[in-house]
Amino acid sequence: MASMALNSPSANHFVNDGYASFSRVRLCSFSFESSLYGCKIPKRQLSLSVNETRTTRPKPACYSGSEPVKASSHSFDVVIVGAGIIGLTIARQFLIGSDLSVAVVDKAIPCSGATGAGQGYIWMVHKNPGSQTWELTKRSHQLWKRLAETIRDQGMDPLQVLGWKRTGSLLVGRTPGDSMMLRERVRQLSEAGLTAEYLSSNELLSVEPALLVGSDGGAAFVPGDCQLDALRTVAYIEKVNRSFTLEGRYAEFYHEPVTGLERSTSSGKVEAIRTSNNTLYGKAVVVAAGCWSRSLMHDLFGGSNVKLDVLVKPRKGHLLVLENFNSLQLNHGLMEVGYVDYENAILPSGLNDQSQTLSVSMTATMDTMGNLILGSSRQFAGFSTEVEDSIILHIWKRAGDFIPKLKELSLKNFMKNRKVRVGLRPYMPDGKPVIGHVPGLSNMFLATGHEGGGLSMALGTAEMVVDMVLGNPPHVDNSPFAAQGRCC
């Protein structure tokens, strides 16, 4: 058991019929189970004086943003901007790993950005051992598997709770050059400690009959790779977070765009985040706003002495979902080798957000409800989320190149049972997320730029951010992800 006493007012959050309301209460001493949902983590004190009692609220003289200060205000130890998978898992990690109070603010609702538009794979087959994101991805996958095991140990089914399936993944190619590359990848993955094997064309046909790569093709196979359902997973994480509500340690402020911030004139630290309805005081602030992080930070610090340019850009992607698809069955998650190149492609110099640079590579998964999910496209198209039928057709044809059964079918026949997911991946030009404090502001942190790997790297990122804030020894070297030198 762990106990916490707070002597200052705090916000208490109640959910009624899906709407959030807040009441002012004075908290007394209380206890809670630190092993909630199987997560038993030693408590650490926040090194940024978060555990000091605030008897009177400071009135900083430095403001940013266009909106006036609102009368309604609330105090928390940590304020997180962004309710995607990154923001929500950071909140969860603070709640289960410390005694701190947490607020999550978002201009919309959870899973309404890149998270909800993704395919849900937790794969290592297309990752490069030795790359600067390798250890973070590997650590995050370990944490996802540990979470699934914990849910199972508690008598629940990870398939129902998270949409969790161990499907294994196949990275497939069709040319002799592809096969050479895939053999080398298997060697690298095996040396890095993963179970991986190369499958020839004939071997591949026996494990995935619907897939055809030709006599020169083959695949890298990682049997331990998994996938999950983003909507179910986010719902579970929200449930965990909300279990701390009655203790006064958690609150959500959805449908509240951030309009400004307040900084101390003496220390320069960020004191509060202002939204359209509230002022949220916090001793640590984490910005996890995905591809909107750049414009948000620009608006918050424009005209100030903080020189920061978070180079994250929106990278639009389409996925085609065919509901209750029974024309074929896939046994594994599929991805073509070209996906790796498209994912890691560098934005050409001088290309602006509105430039159309489209790439399509085959990915195919089947979710827990029997839906076939085909992808995926990548393009720089600003913040547009319009569905483009020409891209959907391109995805369908590309999938047919690898899954011949699809060529026998007409996409028009699935108009009633098809959905299209469009999301904006937060892309960083150097291919690495930004995770760390804002240069010059020791109590403000960034966690963005994961491109298509947000779900895959979420738990590792959450652990990294919380370790930074609490001053814990890092589980993974965080220096490659620092904002310093990349966002200045």
Foldseek 3Di string as FASTA:
>chain_A
DDKDAAADWFWFWDADPRDIDTDIDGAGMDDDDLCVLHQNAEAFDFPLCLNDHDPDADDAPDKFFDDDAAPAAGEWAEEEEAQELQRLLLLLCCVSHYVTFYEYEYLADYLPFLLVLFDFWQDDLLPAPPDQCNVLLVVLSVVVVVSQVSCVVVVHHCCQQWLKDQQKEKAKAQALVQLVVQQVSQVRCVVVPADKDKAAQVRVCVQWVLWHRDRNMIIIIGRRIMGTNSVSNSVNSVVSQCVCSNVSRYDYHYSWAFGEWGAHPVQRATQWTDTPHYTYGHSFYEYAHAQCVQVVVCRHQPPHPQQWGQQWFWKKKKKKKFAQDDLDDGRHKYWYNVVSCVLLPADDPPDDQQDWDKDWTWIWDATPRRIIMTYIMITRHGPDQDDDVVRVVVRLVNNCVTRVSSVVDDPVVRPVRMDMRMHIGTAARRQAFAWAARVPHRRYTYTYHNGSCCVSSNNSSSQQNVCSRSVHPHPRDCVVRHSVPRTD
